[in-house]
Amino acid sequence: MPPEHRAYKRTRATRLLSAGTYLDPGYRRAVIRELLDSRFRVVAPSFGYDAVSVLAHALAARRLHRTQWAAAAGAAAVILLLMGTGAFSTPLGVVMLLWVPWAAAYLRRIVTLQILMTRLRESGPDGGFGGACPTHDKLTAELAHKIDQEQTGSSGLVFYGGYRPFVGAGLPLRDWSNAQLLLGAPKTRIMARKSENGLPPDLDTVERRQVVPFTVHDITSQVAARMAADLRDEARPDERIEGLTVEQRRYTTAILTNDRTTGADWTELPDVDDLPGIHWREDYDAAREYLCVRVGSWEEELVTSIFVGFDIRGNTLHTEFYTYVLGPLVKDFHLVDQLPHAIDARLAVRVAWDMFKAMVRWSTALWLWPLWLIPVRFLPAWAVPWIRPWEVRRARRAIAAVLQEEQVADTSEFGLGRYANPWLNRGALVSVRELATSENYHHFFQHSDATKYMEIVERRLLQNIRAFLDEHDVDLAEHDRAQTNILLGDNSQNFFGGTNSNFGYNYQPSGGR
């Protein structure tokens, strides 16, 4: 059984993602592929959703699909057997063979509607979504525990498998960085007396205090505590950001090799205690620590994440700021909120009629199967409606290319790459939440809220960094100038654009239209 105490099992994002496994077969296959078939891979961190619930409903939806075809195939076999023995006449047998697939598909559609109307509708006084998971043989307690532990990041480590470390956070929105010399603050409030010719004196001539020494851990921990206090814990109730989460996480790769000469094999992933104590090592296996400030709004359907990293080199404090946004889920998944609360006779008849029209379309598509090989632009207008669904499904399957890692071509003289030790990349490449993110916002205020929370966190972050540096007798003049430029957006390189087009991989969410 899945763990009962899962943080996001009852959020709106979890409910809509679970409904999406019944509504989108391509997304259902992607969920099962990522969480079940590729269980060797680490699960991406959760940003307001519960992957265990989504996988459970994906397996249940697949079981319904398989049951439909198994029932239709079994009934067809029985009918053929009866026709062979003479129990059924040929005309009756043909009619039955046509009716059985229709009946199986009809029953599956009715059951799917019942599940969406009852278990996955918005919770209310008379019931609804409560976070319960359907049972399935493949969703073992061990697998559910693995997914839950890895998506919550309880170990403090995030293992990523692609180019970008912030896997699961969505698409980049903005970034900036700043390097500040850790000079002591002037001993007087006046920065420096002007020289005789009226020009400010050189920095070396200013009498300064001694900077109170601090480490990267000190500034990261104190800024994290102040961010949580200012925006959530100590804020007024009407100004509090309830969906705020402040965490410190390390991001590292998970590429393991199998050396047959030494007998070494793929082992368990390292723990925080197994990592070297060097901060921000410069190698391929480096684990870099970032402060993650996450704001889940719109019932966790819109998630704004800010990653802040500090490093001290050459008496200089370097600060990195990255903003990522998980947009709303695809519109198709919201259909679950537009369905009626129960199935009545009128709806059952309408479903039957729609299934009859679908059977006509399937029969027509069967006769037009050679047209599937022709691009849509070359088809006549009357044939496009019959072929377009197949083209859409093929386009959606292209999302799976994100999950496939490109092997580096062996260009050595003797092809020596064939003798290299095999490797396994266990890092997370993409989350099931990212695969269901819409390309566009569904509401104007969703777009404005994503920017609002980014700017609020950014402003508070700069203020808390300033307060920390002030407490450690650091000259704030350079910080104030950089803060002004950042908040006004004067630096064109602050925003993701042409100069940052290679940051991360480019993928198209499954909800694109």
Protein backbone atom coordinates (compact mmCIF):
# COMPACT_ATOMS: atom_id res chain seq x y z
CA MET A 1 0.00 0.00 0.00
CA PRO A 2 1.25 3.55 -0.70
CA PRO A 3 2.36 5.62 2.32
CA GLU A 4 -0.58 7.39 3.93
CA HIS A 5 1.21 10.59 4.90
CA ARG A 6 2.03 12.04 1.50
CA ALA A 7 2.36 15.81 1.47
CA TYR A 8 0.58 16.63 -1.80
CA LYS A 9 -1.80 13.71 -2.24
CA ARG A 10 -4.92 15.93 -2.05
CA THR A 11 -3.83 18.94 -4.09
CA ARG A 12 -5.62 20.13 -7.21
CA ALA A 13 -2.54 19.35 -9.29
CA THR A 14 -2.57 15.72 -8.11
CA ARG A 15 -6.27 15.38 -8.90
CA LEU A 16 -5.97 16.85 -12.40
CA LEU A 17 -2.87 14.81 -13.22
CA SER A 18 -4.66 11.66 -12.07
CA ALA A 19 -7.65 12.55 -14.25
CA GLY A 20 -5.28 13.16 -17.15
CA THR A 21 -4.20 9.52 -17.11
CA TYR A 22 -7.78 8.56 -18.09
CA LEU A 23 -8.16 11.38 -20.61
CA ASP A 24 -4.84 11.22 -22.48
CA PRO A 25 -3.41 7.81 -23.49
CA GLY A 26 -0.08 9.39 -24.46
CA TYR A 27 0.32 10.94 -21.04
CA ARG A 28 -0.73 7.67 -19.38
CA ARG A 29 2.02 5.79 -21.19
CA ALA A 30 4.56 8.48 -20.30
CA VAL A 31 3.71 8.23 -16.59
CA ILE A 32 4.02 4.45 -16.57
CA ARG A 33 7.25 4.59 -18.57
CA GLU A 34 8.85 7.12 -16.23
CA LEU A 35 7.72 5.79 -12.85
CA LEU A 36 7.34 2.05 -13.45
CA ASP A 37 9.29 0.88 -16.50
CA SER A 38 12.24 3.19 -15.73
CA ARG A 39 12.27 2.57 -12.02
CA PHE A 40 16.07 2.53 -12.07
CA ARG A 41 15.84 6.29 -12.64
CA VAL A 42 15.45 8.67 -9.73
CA VAL A 43 12.05 10.37 -9.54
CA ALA A 44 12.12 14.12 -10.11
CA PRO A 45 11.31 16.31 -7.08
CA SER A 46 7.66 17.02 -6.46
CA PHE A 47 6.44 20.55 -6.99
CA GLY A 48 2.95 20.44 -5.52
CA TYR A 49 1.79 16.99 -6.71
CA ASP A 50 1.97 13.35 -5.60
CA ALA A 51 3.52 11.01 -8.17
CA VAL A 52 2.32 7.87 -6.35
CA SER A 53 -1.34 8.82 -6.88
CA VAL A 54 -0.73 9.69 -10.53
CA LEU A 55 0.96 6.34 -11.19
CA ALA A 56 -1.81 4.45 -9.40
CA HIS A 57 -4.49 6.01 -11.58
CA ALA A 58 -2.38 5.52 -14.71
CA LEU A 59 -2.15 1.80 -13.97
CA ALA A 60 -5.89 1.66 -13.25
CA ALA A 61 -6.66 3.41 -16.56
CA ARG A 62 -4.38 1.03 -18.43
CA ARG A 63 -6.08 -1.92 -16.75
CA LEU A 64 -9.45 -0.65 -17.99
CA HIS A 65 -8.07 -0.38 -21.50
CA ARG A 66 -6.64 -3.88 -21.43
CA THR A 67 -9.82 -5.27 -19.93
CA GLN A 68 -11.81 -3.76 -22.77
CA TRP A 69 -9.73 -5.47 -25.45
CA ALA A 70 -9.48 -8.74 -23.52
CA ALA A 71 -13.24 -8.88 -23.12
CA ALA A 72 -13.81 -8.01 -26.78
CA ALA A 73 -11.26 -10.58 -27.97
CA GLY A 74 -12.65 -13.28 -25.67
CA ALA A 75 -16.24 -12.66 -26.71
CA ALA A 76 -15.25 -12.62 -30.39
CA ALA A 77 -13.48 -15.96 -29.97
CA VAL A 78 -16.58 -17.48 -28.37
CA ILE A 79 -18.79 -16.12 -31.17
CA LEU A 80 -16.49 -17.57 -33.84
CA LEU A 81 -16.54 -20.89 -32.05
CA LEU A 82 -20.33 -20.88 -31.94
CA MET A 83 -20.48 -19.94 -35.61
CA GLY A 84 -18.20 -22.84 -36.41
CA THR A 85 -20.42 -25.26 -34.53
CA GLY A 86 -23.54 -23.90 -36.20
CA ALA A 87 -25.06 -22.43 -33.05
CA PHE A 88 -25.00 -18.96 -34.65
CA SER A 89 -25.95 -18.25 -38.22
CA THR A 90 -23.48 -16.28 -40.31
CA PRO A 91 -25.54 -13.03 -40.44
CA LEU A 92 -26.14 -13.16 -36.68
CA GLY A 93 -22.48 -13.94 -36.03
CA VAL A 94 -21.32 -10.98 -38.12
CA VAL A 95 -23.70 -8.67 -36.26
CA MET A 96 -22.44 -10.01 -32.94
CA LEU A 97 -18.82 -9.58 -34.00
CA LEU A 98 -19.56 -5.93 -34.80
CA TRP A 99 -21.51 -5.38 -31.59
CA VAL A 100 -18.98 -6.88 -29.15
CA PRO A 101 -16.19 -4.29 -29.69
CA TRP A 102 -18.78 -1.53 -29.48
CA ALA A 103 -20.18 -2.90 -26.22
CA ALA A 104 -16.72 -3.29 -24.66
CA ALA A 105 -15.75 0.26 -25.61
CA TYR A 106 -19.11 1.56 -24.38
CA LEU A 107 -18.72 -0.07 -20.99
CA ARG A 108 -15.17 1.23 -20.62
CA ARG A 109 -16.33 4.76 -21.42
CA ILE A 110 -19.13 4.52 -18.89
CA VAL A 111 -16.77 3.24 -16.18
CA THR A 112 -14.24 5.99 -16.97
CA LEU A 113 -16.95 8.63 -16.70
CA GLN A 114 -18.06 7.16 -13.39
CA ILE A 115 -14.53 7.32 -12.01
CA LEU A 116 -14.04 10.91 -13.16
CA MET A 117 -17.43 11.98 -11.79
CA THR A 118 -16.99 10.41 -8.38
CA ARG A 119 -13.39 9.67 -7.33
CA LEU A 120 -11.68 12.48 -9.24
CA ARG A 121 -14.13 15.33 -9.07
CA GLU A 122 -13.48 18.24 -6.73
CA SER A 123 -14.11 17.26 -3.14
CA GLY A 124 -17.22 18.59 -1.47
CA PRO A 125 -19.64 17.81 1.33
CA ASP A 126 -20.95 14.75 -0.54
CA GLY A 127 -17.51 13.31 -1.33
CA GLY A 128 -15.06 13.56 -4.17
CA PHE A 129 -11.30 13.34 -4.46
CA GLY A 130 -9.71 12.37 -1.17
CA GLY A 131 -6.22 11.34 -2.23
CA ALA A 132 -6.95 7.59 -2.20
CA CYS A 133 -5.02 5.43 -4.69
CA PRO A 134 -6.44 2.53 -6.70
CA THR A 135 -4.71 -0.74 -5.89
CA HIS A 136 -2.62 -2.52 -8.50
CA ASP A 137 -0.28 -5.48 -8.37
CA LYS A 138 2.55 -3.55 -10.01
CA LEU A 139 2.32 -0.68 -7.54
CA THR A 140 4.00 -2.47 -4.68
CA ALA A 141 4.67 -0.97 -1.28
CA GLU A 142 8.38 -0.92 -2.07
CA LEU A 143 7.89 1.00 -5.33
CA ALA A 144 5.47 3.45 -3.71
CA HIS A 145 7.94 4.09 -0.89
CA LYS A 146 10.76 4.66 -3.39
CA ILE A 147 8.74 7.20 -5.38
CA ASP A 148 7.55 8.98 -2.25
CA GLN A 149 11.04 9.26 -0.75
CA GLU A 150 12.69 10.44 -3.94
CA GLN A 151 10.08 12.99 -4.95
CA THR A 152 10.05 14.59 -1.49
CA GLY A 153 13.85 14.90 -1.48
CA SER A 154 14.05 13.85 2.16
CA SER A 155 17.77 13.14 1.81
CA GLY A 156 18.49 16.69 0.68
CA LEU A 157 19.93 15.44 -2.62
CA VAL A 158 18.45 15.85 -6.09
CA PHE A 159 19.91 13.64 -8.83
CA TYR A 160 19.45 15.07 -12.29
CA GLY A 161 20.20 13.30 -15.53
CA GLY A 162 20.03 16.03 -18.18
CA TYR A 163 21.73 19.36 -18.69
CA ARG A 164 19.80 21.40 -16.16
CA PRO A 165 19.99 20.61 -12.43
CA PHE A 166 16.61 22.06 -11.47
CA VAL A 167 14.61 19.15 -12.88
CA GLY A 168 10.89 19.19 -12.19
CA ALA A 169 10.69 22.97 -11.71
CA GLY A 170 9.31 23.74 -15.17
CA LEU A 171 10.58 26.33 -17.63
CA PRO A 172 13.10 29.11 -16.90
CA LEU A 173 11.68 32.59 -16.46
CA ARG A 174 14.54 34.83 -15.34
CA ASP A 175 18.06 34.69 -13.95
CA TRP A 176 20.81 37.00 -12.80
CA SER A 177 24.09 36.80 -10.98
CA ASN A 178 26.15 39.24 -8.98
CA ALA A 179 29.73 39.33 -7.66
CA GLN A 180 30.42 41.61 -4.69
CA LEU A 181 33.76 42.40 -3.09
CA LEU A 182 33.70 41.75 0.65
CA LEU A 183 35.16 45.10 1.68
CA GLY A 184 34.80 46.35 5.22
CA ALA A 185 32.28 49.08 5.86
CA PRO A 186 33.65 52.58 6.42
CA LYS A 187 34.16 53.39 10.09
CA THR A 188 32.02 56.51 9.77
CA ARG A 189 28.61 56.99 8.29
CA ILE A 190 30.13 59.27 5.69
CA MET A 191 31.61 56.94 3.11
CA ALA A 192 34.82 58.97 2.70
CA ARG A 193 35.91 62.55 2.92
CA LYS A 194 36.40 64.26 -0.35
CA SER A 195 39.93 65.10 -1.29
CA GLU A 196 41.14 68.61 -1.90
CA ASN A 197 40.27 68.52 -5.61
CA GLY A 198 36.68 67.45 -4.86
CA LEU A 199 36.97 63.85 -6.11
CA PRO A 200 36.16 60.85 -3.89
CA PRO A 201 39.22 59.10 -2.51
CA ASP A 202 40.42 55.75 -3.72
CA LEU A 203 39.01 52.65 -2.01
CA ASP A 204 42.38 51.88 -0.55
CA THR A 205 42.44 55.24 1.29
CA VAL A 206 39.10 54.66 3.08
CA GLU A 207 39.44 53.59 6.70
CA ARG A 208 37.31 50.46 7.02
CA ARG A 209 36.10 48.04 9.64
CA GLN A 210 37.23 44.45 9.72
CA VAL A 211 34.70 42.14 7.98
CA VAL A 212 33.23 39.59 10.36
CA PRO A 213 34.18 36.26 8.76
CA PHE A 214 31.33 34.06 7.51
CA THR A 215 30.94 30.95 5.39
CA VAL A 216 28.61 30.02 2.56
CA HIS A 217 26.67 27.83 4.99
CA ASP A 218 26.18 30.80 7.32
CA ILE A 219 24.68 33.12 4.71
CA THR A 220 22.56 30.36 3.14
CA SER A 221 21.07 29.22 6.46
CA GLN A 222 20.36 32.70 7.76
CA VAL A 223 18.85 33.94 4.51
CA ALA A 224 16.64 30.82 4.38
CA ALA A 225 15.41 31.39 7.94
CA ARG A 226 14.68 35.05 7.28
CA MET A 227 12.83 34.33 4.05
CA ALA A 228 10.55 31.83 5.79
CA ALA A 229 9.95 34.24 8.66
CA ASP A 230 9.28 37.35 6.54
CA LEU A 231 6.98 35.72 4.00
CA ARG A 232 5.20 33.07 6.05
CA ASP A 233 5.91 32.46 9.74
CA GLU A 234 6.01 36.02 11.11
CA ALA A 235 3.94 37.78 8.45
CA ARG A 236 0.47 39.13 9.12
CA PRO A 237 -2.26 36.59 8.34
CA ASP A 238 -3.57 38.64 5.42
CA GLU A 239 -0.04 39.05 3.97
CA ARG A 240 1.20 35.52 4.56
CA ILE A 241 2.18 33.31 1.61
CA GLU A 242 0.67 29.99 2.66
CA GLY A 243 2.13 27.99 -0.20
CA LEU A 244 5.72 29.01 0.57
CA THR A 245 8.41 26.36 1.01
CA VAL A 246 12.04 27.15 1.78
CA GLU A 247 14.54 24.28 1.42
CA GLN A 248 18.26 23.75 1.03
CA ARG A 249 19.09 21.09 -1.54
CA ARG A 250 22.15 19.75 -3.30
CA TYR A 251 22.05 18.93 -6.99
CA THR A 252 24.32 16.28 -8.44
CA THR A 253 24.49 13.76 -11.26
CA ALA A 254 23.84 10.04 -10.89
CA ILE A 255 25.99 8.42 -13.58
CA LEU A 256 27.23 5.04 -12.38
CA THR A 257 29.68 2.78 -14.21
CA ASN A 258 30.14 -0.98 -14.22
CA ASP A 259 33.83 -1.93 -14.14
CA ARG A 260 34.18 -5.63 -14.94
CA THR A 261 37.94 -5.65 -14.24
CA THR A 262 37.60 -4.64 -10.60
CA GLY A 263 34.30 -6.29 -9.96
CA ALA A 264 32.65 -2.95 -9.18
CA ASP A 265 28.97 -2.84 -10.04
CA TRP A 266 26.21 -0.27 -10.12
CA THR A 267 25.66 0.60 -6.51
CA GLU A 268 23.18 2.61 -4.52
CA LEU A 269 23.19 6.35 -4.95
CA PRO A 270 25.37 8.35 -2.56
CA ASP A 271 24.05 10.04 0.53
CA VAL A 272 24.73 13.57 1.72
CA ASP A 273 27.31 12.27 4.18
CA ASP A 274 29.17 10.52 1.36
CA LEU A 275 29.81 13.73 -0.55
CA PRO A 276 33.11 15.62 -0.21
CA GLY A 277 33.05 18.71 1.99
CA ILE A 278 34.34 20.99 -0.77
CA HIS A 279 31.76 23.63 -1.62
CA TRP A 280 30.85 23.86 -5.30
CA ARG A 281 33.47 21.49 -6.65
CA GLU A 282 34.31 21.97 -10.30
CA ASP A 283 33.93 18.49 -11.76
CA TYR A 284 31.25 16.40 -13.44
CA ASP A 285 30.14 14.73 -10.21
CA ALA A 286 29.99 17.93 -8.19
CA ALA A 287 27.05 18.46 -5.85
CA ARG A 288 26.16 22.13 -5.65
CA GLU A 289 23.89 23.45 -2.95
CA TYR A 290 21.10 25.93 -3.66
CA LEU A 291 18.43 27.55 -1.59
CA CYS A 292 15.05 26.67 -3.10
CA VAL A 293 12.20 29.07 -2.40
CA ARG A 294 9.00 27.65 -3.85
CA VAL A 295 5.55 29.25 -3.98
CA GLY A 296 2.62 27.01 -4.88
CA SER A 297 -0.45 29.04 -5.85
CA TRP A 298 -3.76 28.30 -7.56
CA GLU A 299 -4.03 25.17 -5.40
CA GLU A 300 -0.53 24.05 -6.47
CA GLU A 301 -1.40 24.26 -10.17
CA LEU A 302 0.94 27.22 -10.60
CA VAL A 303 4.35 26.83 -8.97
CA THR A 304 7.04 29.52 -8.98
CA SER A 305 10.47 28.32 -7.84
CA ILE A 306 13.51 30.46 -7.12
CA PHE A 307 16.93 28.87 -6.73
CA VAL A 308 19.64 30.90 -5.02
CA GLY A 309 23.26 29.86 -4.74
CA PHE A 310 26.17 31.49 -2.89
CA ASP A 311 29.89 31.03 -3.32
CA ILE A 312 32.91 32.87 -1.93
CA ARG A 313 36.06 33.06 -4.00
CA GLY A 314 38.88 35.62 -3.82
CA ASN A 315 37.20 37.64 -1.05
CA THR A 316 34.19 37.99 -3.37
CA LEU A 317 30.63 36.85 -2.70
CA HIS A 318 29.03 35.43 -5.84
CA THR A 319 25.23 35.13 -5.89
CA GLU A 320 23.20 33.20 -8.49
CA PHE A 321 19.45 33.62 -8.92
CA TYR A 322 17.32 31.38 -11.15
CA THR A 323 13.53 31.50 -11.50
CA TYR A 324 11.48 28.61 -12.91
CA VAL A 325 7.72 28.36 -13.39
CA LEU A 326 5.44 25.38 -13.67
CA GLY A 327 2.46 26.67 -15.60
CA PRO A 328 -1.10 25.37 -15.43
CA LEU A 329 -1.98 21.89 -16.59
CA VAL A 330 -3.28 21.25 -20.07
CA LYS A 331 -6.88 22.26 -20.65
CA ASP A 332 -8.00 18.73 -21.47
CA PHE A 333 -7.32 17.66 -17.89
CA HIS A 334 -9.74 20.32 -16.64
CA LEU A 335 -12.63 18.52 -18.33
CA VAL A 336 -13.05 16.50 -15.15
CA ASP A 337 -14.48 19.63 -13.48
CA GLN A 338 -17.08 20.12 -16.23
CA LEU A 339 -18.66 16.68 -16.08
CA PRO A 340 -22.05 16.12 -14.42
CA HIS A 341 -22.15 14.56 -10.97
CA ALA A 342 -23.93 11.37 -12.04
CA ILE A 343 -24.77 9.24 -15.07
CA ASP A 344 -28.43 9.35 -16.00
CA ALA A 345 -30.38 7.71 -18.82
CA ARG A 346 -29.95 10.69 -21.14
CA LEU A 347 -26.17 10.65 -20.73
CA ALA A 348 -26.04 6.88 -21.24
CA VAL A 349 -27.95 7.21 -24.51
CA ARG A 350 -25.70 10.04 -25.65
CA VAL A 351 -22.60 7.96 -24.91
CA ALA A 352 -24.08 5.08 -26.93
CA TRP A 353 -24.74 7.39 -29.88
CA ASP A 354 -21.22 8.82 -29.70
CA MET A 355 -19.82 5.29 -29.64
CA PHE A 356 -21.85 4.45 -32.76
CA LYS A 357 -20.39 7.48 -34.56
CA ALA A 358 -16.93 6.51 -33.37
CA MET A 359 -17.38 3.02 -34.83
CA VAL A 360 -18.29 4.56 -38.19
CA ARG A 361 -15.15 6.68 -38.05
CA TRP A 362 -12.99 3.66 -37.15
CA SER A 363 -14.47 1.69 -40.03
CA THR A 364 -13.85 4.55 -42.44
CA ALA A 365 -10.29 4.98 -41.15
CA LEU A 366 -9.69 1.27 -41.70
CA TRP A 367 -10.55 1.63 -45.38
CA LEU A 368 -8.44 4.80 -45.62
CA TRP A 369 -5.40 3.34 -43.91
CA PRO A 370 -3.01 4.03 -46.85
CA LEU A 371 -3.64 7.75 -46.31
CA TRP A 372 -1.91 7.56 -42.92
CA LEU A 373 1.42 7.55 -44.74
CA ILE A 374 0.64 10.81 -46.54
CA PRO A 375 1.40 14.12 -44.76
CA VAL A 376 -1.66 16.07 -43.76
CA ARG A 377 -0.88 19.00 -46.09
CA PHE A 378 -1.22 16.72 -49.13
CA LEU A 379 -4.61 15.30 -48.15
CA PRO A 380 -7.94 16.59 -49.47
CA ALA A 381 -9.97 18.69 -47.07
CA TRP A 382 -12.60 15.99 -46.56
CA ALA A 383 -9.99 13.44 -45.42
CA VAL A 384 -8.21 15.63 -42.86
CA PRO A 385 -10.77 15.17 -40.03
CA TRP A 386 -10.32 11.39 -40.28
CA ILE A 387 -6.55 11.48 -40.17
CA ARG A 388 -5.83 14.42 -37.86
CA PRO A 389 -6.28 12.50 -34.55
CA TRP A 390 -3.53 10.12 -35.59
CA GLU A 391 -1.26 13.04 -36.45
CA VAL A 392 -1.93 14.63 -33.06
CA ARG A 393 -1.08 11.43 -31.23
CA ARG A 394 2.11 11.07 -33.25
CA ALA A 395 3.08 14.63 -32.31
CA ARG A 396 2.42 13.96 -28.66
CA ARG A 397 4.59 10.89 -28.73
CA ALA A 398 7.45 13.16 -29.76
CA ILE A 399 7.58 14.29 -26.14
CA ALA A 400 9.17 10.97 -25.32
CA ALA A 401 12.29 12.14 -27.12
CA VAL A 402 13.00 14.27 -24.07
CA LEU A 403 13.37 11.12 -22.03
CA GLN A 404 15.86 9.50 -24.39
CA GLU A 405 19.48 10.38 -23.77
CA GLU A 406 21.67 10.86 -26.80
CA GLN A 407 24.74 8.65 -26.71
CA VAL A 408 27.96 10.44 -27.56
CA ALA A 409 29.31 9.26 -30.91
CA ASP A 410 32.62 7.42 -30.72
CA THR A 411 35.01 9.30 -33.02
CA SER A 412 38.24 7.80 -31.69
CA GLU A 413 40.70 6.38 -34.22
CA PHE A 414 40.20 2.72 -33.35
CA GLY A 415 36.67 2.98 -32.03
CA LEU A 416 37.98 2.48 -28.51
CA GLY A 417 34.64 3.50 -27.06
CA ARG A 418 33.47 -0.08 -27.50
CA TYR A 419 35.87 -1.10 -24.71
CA ALA A 420 34.74 1.56 -22.25
CA ASN A 421 32.89 0.54 -19.12
CA PRO A 422 29.12 0.69 -19.52
CA TRP A 423 27.41 3.48 -17.65
CA LEU A 424 23.92 4.06 -16.32
CA ASN A 425 22.46 7.52 -15.83
CA ARG A 426 20.01 7.25 -12.96
CA GLY A 427 19.35 10.97 -12.68
CA ALA A 428 15.89 12.41 -13.27
CA LEU A 429 15.33 13.85 -16.74
CA VAL A 430 11.80 15.21 -16.52
CA SER A 431 8.85 14.98 -14.15
CA VAL A 432 5.37 13.72 -14.98
CA ARG A 433 4.15 17.16 -13.92
CA GLU A 434 6.28 18.89 -16.58
CA LEU A 435 4.94 16.55 -19.28
CA ALA A 436 1.43 17.80 -18.57
CA THR A 437 2.18 21.54 -18.47
CA SER A 438 0.37 23.79 -20.90
CA GLU A 439 2.32 26.08 -23.19
CA ASN A 440 -0.05 28.94 -22.38
CA TYR A 441 -1.63 30.31 -19.24
CA HIS A 442 -5.38 29.69 -18.97
CA HIS A 443 -6.05 32.85 -16.98
CA PHE A 444 -4.53 36.33 -17.09
CA PHE A 445 -4.01 36.35 -13.33
CA GLN A 446 -1.97 33.15 -13.47
CA HIS A 447 0.63 34.93 -15.58
CA SER A 448 0.63 37.99 -13.31
CA ASP A 449 0.89 35.85 -10.16
CA ALA A 450 3.93 34.00 -11.46
CA THR A 451 5.69 37.34 -11.96
CA LYS A 452 4.37 38.71 -8.68
CA TYR A 453 5.79 35.93 -6.52
CA MET A 454 9.10 36.04 -8.36
CA GLU A 455 9.44 39.76 -7.67
CA ILE A 456 8.35 39.44 -4.03
CA VAL A 457 10.85 36.69 -3.32
CA GLU A 458 13.55 38.53 -5.26
CA ARG A 459 13.02 41.77 -3.31
CA ARG A 460 12.99 40.00 0.06
CA LEU A 461 16.05 38.00 -0.89
CA LEU A 462 18.05 41.11 -1.75
CA GLN A 463 16.94 42.80 1.46
CA ASN A 464 17.92 39.79 3.60
CA ILE A 465 21.29 39.49 1.90
CA ARG A 466 21.84 43.17 2.59
CA ALA A 467 20.91 42.76 6.26
CA PHE A 468 23.26 39.79 6.60
CA LEU A 469 26.16 41.68 5.03
CA ASP A 470 25.45 44.69 7.20
CA GLU A 471 25.63 42.53 10.33
CA HIS A 472 29.05 41.30 9.17
CA ASP A 473 30.40 44.84 8.57
CA VAL A 474 30.51 44.56 4.77
CA ASP A 475 30.42 47.73 2.68
CA LEU A 476 26.91 47.93 1.21
CA ALA A 477 27.53 50.52 -1.50
CA GLU A 478 28.28 47.92 -4.18
CA HIS A 479 25.33 45.76 -3.10
CA ASP A 480 22.95 48.72 -3.28
CA ARG A 481 24.06 49.58 -6.82
CA ALA A 482 23.65 45.99 -7.97
CA GLN A 483 20.25 45.75 -6.26
CA THR A 484 19.02 48.84 -8.09
CA ASN A 485 20.10 47.44 -11.44
CA ILE A 486 18.50 44.08 -10.72
CA LEU A 487 15.16 45.50 -9.58
CA LEU A 488 14.96 47.97 -12.44
CA GLY A 489 15.97 45.35 -14.98
CA ASP A 490 18.61 47.58 -16.54
CA ASN A 491 20.92 44.64 -17.22
CA SER A 492 19.67 42.97 -20.40
CA GLN A 493 21.42 39.76 -19.48
CA ASN A 494 19.21 39.33 -16.42
CA PHE A 495 16.47 37.77 -18.51
CA PHE A 496 16.47 34.52 -20.42
CA GLY A 497 16.66 35.33 -24.07
CA GLY A 498 18.98 34.90 -27.00
CA THR A 499 22.10 34.80 -24.82
CA ASN A 500 20.64 32.03 -22.70
CA SER A 501 18.93 29.95 -25.37
CA ASN A 502 21.06 26.90 -24.57
CA PHE A 503 20.10 26.81 -20.90
CA GLY A 504 18.51 23.40 -20.32
CA TYR A 505 16.79 21.34 -22.95
CA ASN A 506 13.91 22.44 -25.12
CA TYR A 507 10.78 20.34 -24.93
CA GLN A 508 7.19 20.87 -25.90
CA PRO A 509 4.65 20.12 -23.17
CA SER A 510 2.04 17.55 -24.03
CA GLY A 511 -0.77 20.06 -23.85
CA GLY A 512 0.39 22.15 -26.74
CA ARG A 513 -2.18 23.07 -29.31
